[in-house]
Every structure is written in C-alpha cells, then in structure tokens.
Amino acid sequence: MALSRRRNDHQSAGAWPGYVDVLSTLLMVVVFVLAVFILVQFFLANAISGRDKAIDALRSELAGLVEQLSLEKSSNAKLQLDLSNLQATLSSVNAERDQLAAVLAESQARADETEKNLAQQQQIIVDLQGKLVSSSSQLDQEKRLTAEARSQIDLLNRQLAALREQMAQIERILKESEDKDKANQAQISDLGKRLNAALARKVDELVNYRSEFFGRLRQALGNRRDIQIVGDRFVFQSEVLFDSASAELKPEGREQIAKLAKTLIEISSKIPSDLPWVLRVDGHTDKLPISTPQFPSNWELSSARAISVVKFLASQGVPVERLAATGFGEFQPLDARDDQIAYRRNRRIELKLTER
C-alpha cells in the first residue's frame, strides 16, 4: 500500500510540471492570439478608416458625377432644342436655296440678255465717243462763251440787286397807296351811292319825258292800228313807211316821221342838257329771205330802213348826236308763228327813247 502511495505521489509529483508547461504554452498561445488579434484589430481599424475615407471620396465624386450628369441632361435638352431649331433652319435654308436656285436661273437669263444689251451699249458708247470727240471743239467754244456769260450774269446780278431795291421802294409806295385807297374806298362807296341815286333820278326823268313824248306823239299821229306803243318802244309797221323790199321812205311815211321829228324837237327842248338821251331806231324784218343786189339779206334791209329813218329825222332838225340806227334782221320777232299775220307784225320800225 505504501508502495502504491509512493507511486501515486511520484506520479502526482511528475504530472504537475506537465500541466504547468501546458498552461504556459496555452498562455503563450493566448497571448500570441491576443497580440495577433490586436494587430488584426489595428490593421482592420486602419483599413476601415481608409475605406471610410475612400467611401467619402467616392461619395463626393459620385455627387460631382450626379451634378455633371444633371448638367449633361440639361445640356442634352438644350442640344435637342438647338438640333430642332437647326433642323427647322435647315429646312428654311433648303427652301431658300431652291428659291435662290430659281432666282439664279432667272438672273442667268437676265445676265445673258444684259450681255446682249451691254454689247449694244458698247457700240453706242463707241458712237458716243466719236460724237464726244466732235463735241470737244464745241465744248471749248462753249467755255469761251461761258466766260462771257458769267460776266453778263454778274452784270445781271447787279441789275437784279438794283431792281430788288426798286421793288422794295415800289412795295412801300404800294403800301402807302393801299392805305390811301382804303381811305378813298369809303369816299368812292359814298360817291357810288350818290351817283346811283343821281342816275336813278335821271332815269326817272327820262321815263317821264319818254311818257310825255309817246303821249304827244300818239296825239300827233292819231289812233292808228299800224302804229302802237309796246312797252318802252313806239312801233311803226313797215308798210306805213316803206314799200315791200324797199328802204326808201314813202310820202306817207315821210309825213308820219316828220310829225315824230316835230314832237321830238319840242320835247327835247325840255330835257336837261346833262341827261344823256338818244332816240334809237331799230329795223326789223320778217323771216322770209331776201337776196337782191342792194340787200343780200334781211340784215342789210333792216339796217338800211333804220338808217333812212335816222337820216330823215336829222333832215328835220333832230340833232344827229341824239340819233342811233340798228338793224336786227328777222332775229327779234314779235310773233313766232309762220303766217302772213305774223310776218306783217314782225316787219316794223321801233323807236326807243333811251340812255346812251
């Protein structure tokens, strides 16, 4: 028993150092593992720190890329719009190109025609050059004449200046005359009114004398149907004074005109000398034409009859300055009908006491 206890004690004493070695080895392993772990942790921490920095850099780069991408998108949209505009412009340019091509073709045709015209014009230029050469001598002569003309122009300018000064003086004189005229117009207007009033009085006087003359003439000639008073005229039918187609007074006509002259002389002695009266004798015929050597037309017949009456009145003592003869032919009829009664009425001598 004691031997087995020693063996056990010897075995127990021998086994303890093995445990110690194992534990030491295990401790060293643990320490080594811890050291490795610490190293790994250190390297991992450095690696993670570097990776975070790389990630941050990548994120920053990614943000820049995103921003660039957005810019590229906007640029792309703008480029698309520009492309559309360019396409539209290209279409319009193509259309303009076609138009220009048509215009060019037309211009080419015109150019051809222009070349033809140019050739003609060149020929004309050659002709003109020949004329120019011939005109050079004329131009030299005209230059000499121009020098003379300039001297004449200078003289005319001086004369014109003098004329303008005279015109200014005339304008001043006219202005003064206009002022005087305005003052005289009032006087003339007043004189005109007074003259009209005086003329009206003279006309009234003449009317009164004419009425007296016609009244006394009616008494002297008697109440005859072939001698009438028509308005302001005393009318003799031609048959009373003249034969047909004749301008010589009949004896009966001389007797009637003599009575008229006597009455006129008596009345004229009462008429004031400043009253410008005249006895107008008008000859009238009918519309039947006449053509004789003495009277080619009714103009001559009517004028000749009026002159015969005037001459006879003058021979009876009526002042010739108070007599006038007028021929009207057939152009002042009293009756427009076309019968013998109208012809007889239109053949007449009219006496009118009127103003000159």
Protein backbone atom coordinates (compact mmCIF):
# COMPACT_ATOMS: atom_id res chain seq x y z
CA MET A 1 0.00 0.00 0.00
CA ALA A 2 2.75 2.25 0.91
CA LEU A 3 4.38 1.46 -2.39
CA SER A 4 1.30 2.29 -4.35
CA ARG A 5 1.02 5.55 -2.40
CA ARG A 6 4.56 6.43 -3.34
CA ARG A 7 3.83 5.62 -6.89
CA ASN A 8 0.81 7.74 -6.80
CA ASP A 9 2.74 10.53 -5.06
CA HIS A 10 5.58 10.12 -7.56
CA GLN A 11 3.12 10.14 -10.40
CA SER A 12 1.39 13.21 -8.95
CA ALA A 13 4.72 14.99 -8.50
CA GLY A 14 5.70 14.16 -12.09
CA ALA A 15 2.41 15.23 -13.57
CA TRP A 16 2.36 18.83 -12.21
CA PRO A 17 5.19 20.28 -14.31
CA GLY A 18 3.48 18.88 -17.42
CA TYR A 19 0.42 20.83 -16.54
CA VAL A 20 2.48 23.86 -15.90
CA ASP A 21 4.09 23.54 -19.32
CA VAL A 22 0.78 23.01 -20.95
CA LEU A 23 -0.66 26.01 -19.18
CA SER A 24 2.38 28.09 -20.06
CA THR A 25 2.14 27.04 -23.63
CA LEU A 26 -1.57 27.72 -23.64
CA LEU A 27 -0.97 31.11 -22.04
CA MET A 28 1.62 31.95 -24.65
CA VAL A 29 -0.75 30.86 -27.34
CA VAL A 30 -3.48 33.01 -25.86
CA VAL A 31 -1.09 35.95 -25.58
CA PHE A 32 0.01 35.36 -29.15
CA VAL A 33 -3.57 35.09 -30.28
CA LEU A 34 -4.37 38.31 -28.39
CA ALA A 35 -1.38 40.01 -29.93
CA VAL A 36 -2.41 38.81 -33.34
CA PHE A 37 -5.96 39.89 -32.63
CA ILE A 38 -4.74 43.32 -31.51
CA LEU A 39 -2.63 43.59 -34.62
CA VAL A 40 -5.52 42.46 -36.74
CA GLN A 41 -7.74 44.96 -34.96
CA PHE A 42 -5.21 47.68 -35.58
CA PHE A 43 -4.85 46.83 -39.24
CA LEU A 44 -8.61 46.42 -39.56
CA ALA A 45 -9.15 49.79 -37.91
CA ASN A 46 -6.65 51.37 -40.32
CA ALA A 47 -8.23 49.56 -43.20
CA ILE A 48 -11.74 50.60 -42.16
CA SER A 49 -10.58 54.18 -41.62
CA GLY A 50 -9.00 54.21 -45.10
CA ARG A 51 -12.10 52.57 -46.57
CA ASP A 52 -14.33 55.27 -44.97
CA LYS A 53 -12.12 57.95 -46.44
CA ALA A 54 -12.29 56.18 -49.77
CA ILE A 55 -16.06 55.88 -49.43
CA ASP A 56 -16.33 59.59 -48.58
CA ALA A 57 -14.15 60.39 -51.57
CA LEU A 58 -16.27 58.11 -53.72
CA ARG A 59 -19.44 59.73 -52.41
CA SER A 60 -18.03 63.17 -53.14
CA GLU A 61 -17.01 62.01 -56.61
CA LEU A 62 -20.42 60.41 -57.03
CA ALA A 63 -22.12 63.72 -56.09
CA GLY A 64 -19.94 65.50 -58.64
CA LEU A 65 -20.81 62.90 -61.22
CA VAL A 66 -24.51 63.29 -60.41
CA GLU A 67 -24.20 67.06 -60.78
CA GLN A 68 -22.34 66.67 -64.04
CA LEU A 69 -24.99 64.20 -65.16
CA SER A 70 -27.75 66.74 -64.44
CA LEU A 71 -25.75 69.36 -66.29
CA GLU A 72 -25.25 66.96 -69.15
CA LYS A 73 -29.00 66.25 -69.18
CA SER A 74 -29.83 69.97 -69.33
CA SER A 75 -27.13 70.40 -71.97
CA ASN A 76 -28.59 67.46 -73.84
CA ALA A 77 -32.08 69.00 -73.68
CA LYS A 78 -30.67 72.30 -74.92
CA LEU A 79 -28.78 70.48 -77.62
CA GLN A 80 -32.00 68.71 -78.60
CA LEU A 81 -33.77 72.08 -78.82
CA ASP A 82 -30.89 73.54 -80.79
CA LEU A 83 -30.97 70.49 -83.01
CA SER A 84 -34.70 71.03 -83.65
CA ASN A 85 -34.07 74.70 -84.40
CA LEU A 86 -31.18 73.77 -86.66
CA GLN A 87 -33.38 71.26 -88.47
CA ALA A 88 -36.09 73.92 -88.96
CA THR A 89 -33.43 76.38 -90.07
CA LEU A 90 -32.03 73.75 -92.41
CA SER A 91 -35.48 73.25 -93.92
CA SER A 92 -35.92 77.01 -94.43
CA VAL A 93 -32.38 77.22 -95.80
CA ASN A 94 -33.18 74.42 -98.23
CA ALA A 95 -36.32 76.26 -99.33
CA GLU A 96 -34.33 79.48 -99.70
CA ARG A 97 -31.69 77.53 -101.58
CA ASP A 98 -34.35 76.32 -104.01
CA GLN A 99 -35.66 79.87 -104.39
CA LEU A 100 -32.15 81.16 -104.86
CA ALA A 101 -31.54 78.50 -107.44
CA ALA A 102 -34.65 79.68 -109.32
CA VAL A 103 -33.58 83.31 -108.92
CA LEU A 104 -30.09 82.34 -110.07
CA ALA A 105 -31.51 80.71 -113.16
CA GLU A 106 -33.59 83.80 -113.86
CA SER A 107 -30.58 86.01 -113.14
CA GLN A 108 -28.53 83.94 -115.53
CA ALA A 109 -31.12 84.51 -118.23
CA ARG A 110 -31.12 88.20 -117.43
CA ALA A 111 -27.34 88.19 -117.44
CA ASP A 112 -27.40 86.73 -120.93
CA GLU A 113 -29.81 89.42 -122.02
CA THR A 114 -27.69 92.01 -120.22
CA GLU A 115 -24.65 90.83 -122.13
CA LYS A 116 -26.51 91.40 -125.36
CA ASN A 117 -27.60 94.85 -124.17
CA LEU A 118 -24.06 95.51 -123.00
CA ALA A 119 -22.76 94.75 -126.44
CA GLN A 120 -25.28 97.17 -127.89
CA GLN A 121 -24.38 99.77 -125.28
CA GLN A 122 -20.71 99.32 -126.03
CA GLN A 123 -21.48 100.06 -129.64
CA ILE A 124 -23.46 103.10 -128.51
CA ILE A 125 -20.51 104.13 -126.32
CA VAL A 126 -18.22 103.88 -129.31
CA ASP A 127 -20.60 106.08 -131.26
CA LEU A 128 -20.84 108.49 -128.34
CA GLN A 129 -17.06 108.63 -128.07
CA GLY A 130 -16.94 109.64 -131.69
CA LYS A 131 -19.56 112.28 -131.01
CA LEU A 132 -17.63 113.32 -127.87
CA VAL A 133 -14.53 113.92 -129.93
CA SER A 134 -16.53 116.06 -132.33
CA SER A 135 -18.15 117.85 -129.37
CA SER A 136 -14.84 118.70 -127.71
CA SER A 137 -14.27 121.58 -130.08
CA GLN A 138 -17.80 122.77 -129.47
CA LEU A 139 -17.20 122.49 -125.69
CA ASP A 140 -14.10 124.67 -125.96
CA GLN A 141 -16.11 127.24 -127.82
CA GLU A 142 -18.91 126.99 -125.24
CA LYS A 143 -16.34 127.50 -122.46
CA ARG A 144 -15.32 130.73 -124.09
CA LEU A 145 -18.96 131.68 -124.35
CA THR A 146 -19.45 130.66 -120.69
CA ALA A 147 -16.83 133.16 -119.57
CA GLU A 148 -18.68 135.85 -121.47
CA ALA A 149 -21.95 134.60 -119.99
CA ARG A 150 -20.51 134.81 -116.49
CA SER A 151 -19.62 138.42 -116.99
CA GLN A 152 -23.14 139.00 -118.26
CA ILE A 153 -24.53 137.12 -115.25
CA ASP A 154 -22.52 139.33 -112.89
CA LEU A 155 -23.93 142.36 -114.65
CA LEU A 156 -27.44 140.88 -114.43
CA ASN A 157 -26.95 140.16 -110.72
CA ARG A 158 -26.03 143.77 -110.11
CA GLN A 159 -29.02 144.88 -112.13
CA LEU A 160 -31.19 142.42 -110.21
CA ALA A 161 -30.00 143.83 -106.89
CA ALA A 162 -30.86 147.32 -108.10
CA LEU A 163 -34.22 146.03 -109.34
CA ARG A 164 -34.93 144.44 -105.96
CA GLU A 165 -34.19 147.72 -104.26
CA GLN A 166 -36.57 149.42 -106.67
CA MET A 167 -39.16 146.71 -105.96
CA ALA A 168 -38.81 147.37 -102.23
CA GLN A 169 -39.40 151.06 -102.88
CA ILE A 170 -42.39 150.20 -105.08
CA GLU A 171 -43.78 147.93 -102.34
CA ARG A 172 -43.50 150.78 -99.86
CA ILE A 173 -45.22 153.09 -102.32
CA LEU A 174 -47.93 150.45 -102.96
CA LYS A 175 -48.43 150.06 -99.22
CA GLU A 176 -48.92 153.80 -98.91
CA SER A 177 -51.24 153.68 -101.94
CA GLU A 178 -53.26 150.86 -100.39
CA ASP A 179 -53.68 152.88 -97.24
CA LYS A 180 -54.81 155.81 -99.34
CA ASP A 181 -57.11 153.50 -101.35
CA LYS A 182 -58.76 152.27 -98.19
CA ALA A 183 -59.44 155.86 -97.26
CA ASN A 184 -60.68 156.59 -100.78
CA GLN A 185 -62.86 153.46 -100.97
CA ALA A 186 -65.16 154.87 -98.36
CA GLN A 187 -65.41 158.08 -100.37
CA ILE A 188 -65.92 156.08 -103.60
CA SER A 189 -68.61 153.98 -101.97
CA ASP A 190 -70.38 157.13 -100.84
CA LEU A 191 -69.93 158.67 -104.30
CA GLY A 192 -71.24 155.46 -105.89
CA LYS A 193 -74.36 155.60 -103.79
CA ARG A 194 -74.82 159.24 -104.66
CA LEU A 195 -74.16 158.51 -108.36
CA ASN A 196 -76.66 155.63 -108.37
CA ALA A 197 -79.21 157.88 -106.76
CA ALA A 198 -78.49 160.57 -109.36
CA LEU A 199 -78.73 158.04 -112.20
CA ALA A 200 -81.99 156.76 -110.80
CA ARG A 201 -83.30 160.32 -110.77
CA LYS A 202 -82.09 160.82 -114.36
CA VAL A 203 -83.74 157.56 -115.42
CA ASP A 204 -86.97 158.66 -113.77
CA GLU A 205 -86.72 161.99 -115.57
CA LEU A 206 -86.10 160.20 -118.88
CA VAL A 207 -89.07 157.91 -118.25
CA ASN A 208 -91.23 160.94 -117.61
CA TYR A 209 -90.04 162.63 -120.81
CA ARG A 210 -90.50 159.39 -122.74
CA SER A 211 -94.06 159.07 -121.50
CA GLU A 212 -94.75 162.67 -122.47
CA PHE A 213 -93.07 162.12 -125.85
CA PHE A 214 -95.08 158.98 -126.60
CA GLY A 215 -98.30 160.63 -125.41
CA ARG A 216 -97.86 163.73 -127.57
CA LEU A 217 -96.66 161.55 -130.46
CA ARG A 218 -99.84 159.49 -130.17
CA GLN A 219 -101.89 162.70 -130.35
CA ALA A 220 -99.95 163.89 -133.37
CA LEU A 221 -100.17 160.61 -135.30
CA GLY A 222 -103.72 159.75 -134.33
CA ASN A 223 -105.18 156.48 -133.16
CA ARG A 224 -103.89 154.07 -135.84
CA ARG A 225 -103.71 150.28 -135.54
CA ASP A 226 -100.45 150.13 -137.50
CA ILE A 227 -98.71 152.46 -135.01
CA GLN A 228 -98.52 151.10 -131.46
CA ILE A 229 -96.78 151.62 -128.13
CA VAL A 230 -95.24 148.35 -126.92
CA GLY A 231 -93.62 148.75 -123.51
CA ASP A 232 -90.99 151.46 -123.77
CA ARG A 233 -90.98 151.43 -127.60
CA PHE A 234 -93.04 153.19 -130.31
CA VAL A 235 -93.68 150.70 -133.13
CA PHE A 236 -94.39 151.53 -136.80
CA GLN A 237 -95.41 148.74 -139.11
CA SER A 238 -93.08 148.76 -142.12
CA GLU A 239 -95.99 149.10 -144.57
CA VAL A 240 -96.68 152.58 -143.13
CA LEU A 241 -93.17 153.78 -144.02
CA PHE A 242 -91.78 151.60 -146.82
CA ASP A 243 -92.83 149.62 -149.85
CA SER A 244 -92.04 145.91 -149.95
CA ALA A 245 -88.32 145.11 -150.23
CA SER A 246 -87.51 148.85 -150.20
CA ALA A 247 -85.61 151.09 -147.75
CA GLU A 248 -86.85 154.41 -149.22
CA LEU A 249 -89.46 156.26 -147.17
CA LYS A 250 -92.87 156.62 -148.84
CA PRO A 251 -94.53 160.04 -148.89
CA GLU A 252 -96.95 158.84 -146.20
CA GLY A 253 -94.02 157.57 -144.18
CA ARG A 254 -92.22 160.92 -144.53
CA GLU A 255 -95.31 162.67 -143.23
CA GLN A 256 -95.51 160.41 -140.18
CA ILE A 257 -91.78 160.69 -139.41
CA ALA A 258 -91.98 164.48 -139.84
CA LYS A 259 -94.69 164.63 -137.15
CA LEU A 260 -92.48 162.45 -134.97
CA ALA A 261 -89.49 164.77 -135.53
CA LYS A 262 -91.56 167.87 -134.64
CA THR A 263 -92.80 166.26 -131.42
CA LEU A 264 -89.31 165.08 -130.53
CA ILE A 265 -87.82 168.54 -131.05
CA GLU A 266 -90.49 170.10 -128.81
CA ILE A 267 -89.88 167.53 -126.07
CA SER A 268 -86.08 167.71 -126.39
CA SER A 269 -86.15 171.40 -125.56
CA LYS A 270 -87.50 170.47 -122.13
CA ILE A 271 -84.99 167.67 -121.47
CA PRO A 272 -81.98 168.88 -119.40
CA SER A 273 -78.76 169.09 -121.37
CA ASP A 274 -76.92 166.88 -118.88
CA LEU A 275 -79.35 163.98 -119.45
CA PRO A 276 -77.61 161.61 -121.95
CA TRP A 277 -80.65 160.62 -124.02
CA VAL A 278 -80.77 159.19 -127.52
CA LEU A 279 -83.53 158.08 -129.87
CA ARG A 280 -82.69 154.61 -131.09
CA VAL A 281 -84.27 153.48 -134.37
CA ASP A 282 -84.42 149.68 -134.73
CA GLY A 283 -85.18 147.98 -138.05
CA HIS A 284 -86.85 144.54 -138.12
CA THR A 285 -87.94 142.24 -140.96
CA ASP A 286 -89.95 139.03 -141.30
CA LYS A 287 -88.33 135.61 -141.71
CA LEU A 288 -88.86 135.43 -145.48
CA PRO A 289 -85.39 135.52 -147.10
CA ILE A 290 -84.36 138.31 -149.46
CA SER A 291 -81.45 138.33 -151.89
CA THR A 292 -81.10 141.32 -154.19
CA PRO A 293 -78.01 143.24 -155.36
CA GLN A 294 -78.94 146.05 -152.94
CA PHE A 295 -79.95 143.83 -149.99
CA PRO A 296 -78.17 140.42 -149.93
CA SER A 297 -80.02 139.52 -146.69
CA ASN A 298 -82.52 140.84 -144.16
CA TRP A 299 -79.62 142.28 -142.15
CA GLU A 300 -78.94 144.86 -144.85
CA LEU A 301 -82.67 145.61 -145.39
CA SER A 302 -83.41 146.19 -141.70
CA SER A 303 -80.28 148.33 -141.23
CA ALA A 304 -80.98 150.38 -144.37
CA ARG A 305 -84.57 151.14 -143.25
CA ALA A 306 -83.36 152.23 -139.78
CA ILE A 307 -80.72 154.48 -141.40
CA SER A 308 -83.33 156.03 -143.75
CA VAL A 309 -85.48 156.99 -140.77
CA VAL A 310 -82.47 158.41 -138.88
CA LYS A 311 -81.36 160.48 -141.89
CA PHE A 312 -84.86 161.89 -142.37
CA LEU A 313 -85.10 162.80 -138.67
CA ALA A 314 -81.76 164.57 -138.96
CA SER A 315 -83.02 166.47 -142.02
CA GLN A 316 -85.99 167.62 -139.92
CA GLY A 317 -83.72 169.21 -137.32
CA VAL A 318 -83.21 166.42 -134.77
CA PRO A 319 -79.60 166.59 -133.52
CA VAL A 320 -77.60 163.79 -135.09
CA GLU A 321 -75.80 163.09 -131.78
CA ARG A 322 -79.21 162.15 -130.36
CA LEU A 323 -79.90 159.51 -133.06
CA ALA A 324 -78.82 155.86 -133.47
CA ALA A 325 -79.72 153.25 -136.12
CA THR A 326 -79.72 149.48 -135.54
CA GLY A 327 -80.64 146.55 -137.80
CA PHE A 328 -81.90 143.27 -136.25
CA GLY A 329 -83.00 141.43 -139.40
CA GLU A 330 -85.53 138.67 -138.67
CA PHE A 331 -83.97 137.59 -135.38
CA GLN A 332 -86.15 139.57 -132.91
CA PRO A 333 -89.73 138.58 -133.92
CA LEU A 334 -92.82 139.75 -132.04
CA ASP A 335 -94.85 136.82 -133.34
CA ALA A 336 -93.21 133.40 -133.75
CA ARG A 337 -95.99 131.96 -135.90
CA ASP A 338 -95.43 131.15 -139.57
CA ASP A 339 -98.23 133.01 -141.36
CA GLN A 340 -98.86 136.32 -143.08
CA ILE A 341 -100.26 137.98 -139.96
CA ALA A 342 -97.06 137.15 -138.04
CA TYR A 343 -94.91 138.30 -140.97
CA ARG A 344 -96.76 141.65 -141.04
CA ARG A 345 -96.32 142.18 -137.28
CA ASN A 346 -92.63 141.37 -137.42
CA ARG A 347 -91.92 143.84 -140.28
CA ARG A 348 -91.56 147.01 -138.21
CA ILE A 349 -89.56 150.07 -137.16
CA GLU A 350 -89.21 150.59 -133.40
CA LEU A 351 -88.34 153.89 -131.73
CA LYS A 352 -86.92 153.88 -128.24
CA LEU A 353 -86.05 156.95 -126.17
CA THR A 354 -83.19 155.67 -124.02
CA GLU A 355 -79.81 156.49 -122.49
CA ARG A 356 -76.55 156.37 -124.38
